[in-house]
Amino acid sequence: MLDRFYLPLLGLAAVAALGLALVWPQGLGDRSPAPFGHDPVQRSPEMQAAMRRETEAAQRRVDQARQAVRNIQNQAIAPSQ
């Protein structure tokens, strides 16, 4: 393709991509400028509660694993007879 057609077309595509990035919904993060976008899913009370439950469950699993390692180490150091 000739450069005199290709480079302006490439510039137009870049400007179009920038324009689209300004108005397209931003996924689960912050809300896009009005009138585009929607309320972020992660800020809903239901999602906050689910994320809190998941974090607490993960913390419990970590604590249980640490306790299991401590028990194994204690058995290795001072086995009960």
N, C-alpha and C. Protein backbone atom coordinates (compact mmCIF):
# COMPACT_ATOMS: atom_id res chain seq x y z
N MET A 1 0.84 -1.17 0.00
CA MET A 1 0.00 0.00 0.00
C MET A 1 0.89 1.23 0.00
N LEU A 2 0.49 2.24 -0.68
CA LEU A 2 1.29 3.45 -0.77
C LEU A 2 1.29 4.19 0.57
N ASP A 3 2.43 4.80 0.89
CA ASP A 3 2.55 5.51 2.15
C ASP A 3 1.58 6.68 2.26
N ARG A 4 1.27 7.33 1.15
CA ARG A 4 0.38 8.49 1.22
C ARG A 4 -1.05 8.07 1.56
N PHE A 5 -1.40 6.81 1.39
CA PHE A 5 -2.70 6.32 1.82
C PHE A 5 -2.62 5.63 3.19
N TYR A 6 -1.53 4.93 3.41
CA TYR A 6 -1.39 4.12 4.61
C TYR A 6 -1.21 4.97 5.87
N LEU A 7 -0.31 5.96 5.83
CA LEU A 7 -0.03 6.74 7.03
C LEU A 7 -1.22 7.60 7.48
N PRO A 8 -1.95 8.28 6.59
CA PRO A 8 -3.14 8.99 7.07
C PRO A 8 -4.20 8.02 7.63
N LEU A 9 -4.33 6.86 7.02
CA LEU A 9 -5.27 5.87 7.51
C LEU A 9 -4.85 5.38 8.90
N LEU A 10 -3.55 5.20 9.10
CA LEU A 10 -3.02 4.80 10.40
C LEU A 10 -3.26 5.89 11.44
N GLY A 11 -3.07 7.13 11.08
CA GLY A 11 -3.34 8.25 11.98
C GLY A 11 -4.81 8.33 12.35
N LEU A 12 -5.68 8.13 11.39
CA LEU A 12 -7.11 8.14 11.64
C LEU A 12 -7.51 6.99 12.58
N ALA A 13 -6.91 5.83 12.39
CA ALA A 13 -7.18 4.69 13.27
C ALA A 13 -6.71 4.99 14.69
N ALA A 14 -5.58 5.67 14.84
CA ALA A 14 -5.08 6.01 16.17
C ALA A 14 -6.01 7.01 16.86
N VAL A 15 -6.48 8.00 16.13
CA VAL A 15 -7.41 8.98 16.70
C VAL A 15 -8.72 8.30 17.08
N ALA A 16 -9.19 7.38 16.24
CA ALA A 16 -10.42 6.66 16.55
C ALA A 16 -10.25 5.79 17.81
N ALA A 17 -9.10 5.17 17.96
CA ALA A 17 -8.85 4.35 19.14
C ALA A 17 -8.81 5.22 20.40
N LEU A 18 -8.21 6.39 20.32
CA LEU A 18 -8.18 7.29 21.47
C LEU A 18 -9.59 7.78 21.82
N GLY A 19 -10.38 8.11 20.81
CA GLY A 19 -11.75 8.54 21.05
C GLY A 19 -12.57 7.44 21.69
N LEU A 20 -12.41 6.23 21.22
CA LEU A 20 -13.13 5.10 21.78
C LEU A 20 -12.71 4.85 23.23
N ALA A 21 -11.43 5.01 23.53
CA ALA A 21 -10.94 4.80 24.89
C ALA A 21 -11.51 5.83 25.86
N LEU A 22 -11.88 7.00 25.36
CA LEU A 22 -12.45 8.02 26.24
C LEU A 22 -13.88 7.72 26.66
N VAL A 23 -14.62 6.96 25.86
CA VAL A 23 -16.04 6.76 26.13
C VAL A 23 -16.42 5.32 26.41
N TRP A 24 -15.57 4.38 26.17
CA TRP A 24 -15.93 2.97 26.35
C TRP A 24 -15.95 2.64 27.84
N PRO A 25 -16.91 1.83 28.30
CA PRO A 25 -16.94 1.46 29.73
C PRO A 25 -15.62 0.83 30.15
N GLN A 26 -15.21 1.13 31.35
CA GLN A 26 -13.88 0.76 31.82
C GLN A 26 -13.84 -0.56 32.57
N GLY A 27 -14.79 -1.44 32.35
CA GLY A 27 -14.75 -2.75 32.99
C GLY A 27 -15.22 -2.69 34.42
N LEU A 28 -14.52 -3.33 35.33
CA LEU A 28 -14.94 -3.42 36.72
C LEU A 28 -14.36 -2.31 37.57
N GLY A 29 -13.56 -1.45 37.00
CA GLY A 29 -12.94 -0.37 37.77
C GLY A 29 -13.86 0.82 37.92
N ASP A 30 -13.32 2.01 37.78
CA ASP A 30 -14.10 3.23 37.94
C ASP A 30 -15.07 3.41 36.79
N ARG A 31 -16.10 4.20 37.06
CA ARG A 31 -17.16 4.45 36.09
C ARG A 31 -16.64 5.34 34.97
N SER A 32 -17.08 5.08 33.76
CA SER A 32 -16.74 5.92 32.62
C SER A 32 -17.50 7.24 32.73
N PRO A 33 -17.04 8.27 32.02
CA PRO A 33 -17.74 9.55 32.08
C PRO A 33 -19.18 9.41 31.58
N ALA A 34 -20.07 10.21 32.16
CA ALA A 34 -21.48 10.19 31.75
C ALA A 34 -21.58 10.60 30.29
N PRO A 35 -22.49 10.14 29.54
CA PRO A 35 -23.57 9.20 29.80
C PRO A 35 -23.15 7.76 29.54
N PHE A 36 -21.89 7.50 29.40
CA PHE A 36 -21.41 6.15 29.13
C PHE A 36 -21.11 5.45 30.44
N GLY A 37 -20.93 4.17 30.37
CA GLY A 37 -20.51 3.41 31.53
C GLY A 37 -21.67 3.00 32.41
N HIS A 38 -21.33 2.39 33.51
CA HIS A 38 -22.31 1.86 34.47
C HIS A 38 -21.66 1.84 35.83
N ASP A 39 -22.45 1.61 36.86
CA ASP A 39 -21.89 1.51 38.20
C ASP A 39 -20.97 0.30 38.27
N PRO A 40 -19.79 0.44 38.85
CA PRO A 40 -18.86 -0.68 38.93
C PRO A 40 -19.45 -1.85 39.72
N VAL A 41 -19.25 -3.03 39.22
CA VAL A 41 -19.79 -4.24 39.84
C VAL A 41 -19.17 -4.45 41.22
N GLN A 42 -17.88 -4.15 41.35
CA GLN A 42 -17.19 -4.43 42.61
C GLN A 42 -17.60 -3.50 43.73
N ARG A 43 -18.35 -2.46 43.44
CA ARG A 43 -18.78 -1.54 44.48
C ARG A 43 -20.18 -1.84 45.00
N SER A 44 -20.82 -2.84 44.45
CA SER A 44 -22.16 -3.20 44.93
C SER A 44 -22.02 -3.89 46.29
N PRO A 45 -23.02 -3.71 47.18
CA PRO A 45 -22.93 -4.33 48.51
C PRO A 45 -22.82 -5.85 48.44
N GLU A 46 -23.52 -6.48 47.47
CA GLU A 46 -23.45 -7.94 47.36
C GLU A 46 -22.04 -8.39 47.01
N MET A 47 -21.40 -7.69 46.08
CA MET A 47 -20.05 -8.06 45.67
C MET A 47 -19.06 -7.79 46.79
N GLN A 48 -19.24 -6.69 47.52
CA GLN A 48 -18.36 -6.39 48.65
C GLN A 48 -18.45 -7.50 49.70
N ALA A 49 -19.67 -7.96 49.99
CA ALA A 49 -19.85 -9.04 50.97
C ALA A 49 -19.21 -10.33 50.47
N ALA A 50 -19.38 -10.64 49.19
CA ALA A 50 -18.78 -11.86 48.63
C ALA A 50 -17.25 -11.78 48.68
N MET A 51 -16.69 -10.62 48.36
CA MET A 51 -15.23 -10.47 48.41
C MET A 51 -14.73 -10.58 49.85
N ARG A 52 -15.49 -10.04 50.81
CA ARG A 52 -15.10 -10.14 52.21
C ARG A 52 -15.12 -11.59 52.67
N ARG A 53 -16.19 -12.34 52.30
CA ARG A 53 -16.26 -13.76 52.67
C ARG A 53 -15.11 -14.54 52.07
N GLU A 54 -14.78 -14.26 50.81
CA GLU A 54 -13.67 -14.97 50.15
C GLU A 54 -12.35 -14.68 50.85
N THR A 55 -12.13 -13.43 51.23
CA THR A 55 -10.90 -13.06 51.92
C THR A 55 -10.80 -13.76 53.28
N GLU A 56 -11.91 -13.77 54.00
CA GLU A 56 -11.91 -14.42 55.32
C GLU A 56 -11.67 -15.93 55.19
N ALA A 57 -12.27 -16.55 54.18
CA ALA A 57 -12.07 -17.99 53.97
C ALA A 57 -10.61 -18.28 53.61
N ALA A 58 -10.03 -17.44 52.78
CA ALA A 58 -8.62 -17.64 52.41
C ALA A 58 -7.72 -17.48 53.63
N GLN A 59 -8.03 -16.50 54.48
CA GLN A 59 -7.24 -16.30 55.69
C GLN A 59 -7.36 -17.50 56.63
N ARG A 60 -8.57 -18.06 56.75
CA ARG A 60 -8.74 -19.26 57.58
C ARG A 60 -7.93 -20.43 57.04
N ARG A 61 -7.91 -20.60 55.71
CA ARG A 61 -7.12 -21.70 55.12
C ARG A 61 -5.63 -21.51 55.39
N VAL A 62 -5.17 -20.28 55.30
CA VAL A 62 -3.75 -20.00 55.58
C VAL A 62 -3.44 -20.30 57.04
N ASP A 63 -4.33 -19.88 57.94
CA ASP A 63 -4.10 -20.13 59.36
C ASP A 63 -4.10 -21.63 59.66
N GLN A 64 -5.00 -22.38 59.03
CA GLN A 64 -5.04 -23.83 59.25
C GLN A 64 -3.77 -24.49 58.72
N ALA A 65 -3.28 -24.04 57.58
CA ALA A 65 -2.05 -24.61 57.03
C ALA A 65 -0.87 -24.31 57.94
N ARG A 66 -0.80 -23.09 58.46
CA ARG A 66 0.29 -22.74 59.37
C ARG A 66 0.23 -23.58 60.65
N GLN A 67 -0.98 -23.77 61.16
CA GLN A 67 -1.13 -24.58 62.36
C GLN A 67 -0.73 -26.03 62.10
N ALA A 68 -1.06 -26.55 60.93
CA ALA A 68 -0.67 -27.91 60.58
C ALA A 68 0.85 -28.04 60.51
N VAL A 69 1.51 -27.03 59.93
CA VAL A 69 2.98 -27.07 59.86
C VAL A 69 3.57 -27.00 61.26
N ARG A 70 3.00 -26.15 62.12
CA ARG A 70 3.49 -26.07 63.50
C ARG A 70 3.35 -27.42 64.21
N ASN A 71 2.20 -28.06 64.03
CA ASN A 71 1.99 -29.37 64.67
C ASN A 71 2.99 -30.40 64.17
N ILE A 72 3.26 -30.41 62.87
CA ILE A 72 4.23 -31.36 62.31
C ILE A 72 5.62 -31.07 62.87
N GLN A 73 5.99 -29.78 62.95
CA GLN A 73 7.31 -29.43 63.49
C GLN A 73 7.41 -29.80 64.96
N ASN A 74 6.35 -29.57 65.72
CA ASN A 74 6.37 -29.93 67.14
C ASN A 74 6.51 -31.44 67.32
N GLN A 75 5.84 -32.22 66.48
CA GLN A 75 5.94 -33.69 66.54
C GLN A 75 7.36 -34.13 66.18
N ALA A 76 7.99 -33.44 65.26
CA ALA A 76 9.35 -33.82 64.85
C ALA A 76 10.36 -33.48 65.96
N ILE A 77 10.13 -32.38 66.66
CA ILE A 77 11.06 -31.95 67.70
C ILE A 77 10.87 -32.78 68.96
N ALA A 78 9.63 -32.92 69.39
CA ALA A 78 9.36 -33.65 70.63
C ALA A 78 8.24 -34.65 70.38
N PRO A 79 8.56 -35.80 69.79
CA PRO A 79 7.51 -36.78 69.54
C PRO A 79 6.94 -37.31 70.85
N SER A 80 5.65 -37.47 70.89
CA SER A 80 4.99 -37.99 72.10
C SER A 80 5.18 -39.51 72.15
N GLN A 81 5.54 -40.03 73.34
CA GLN A 81 5.79 -41.46 73.47
C GLN A 81 4.85 -42.09 74.42
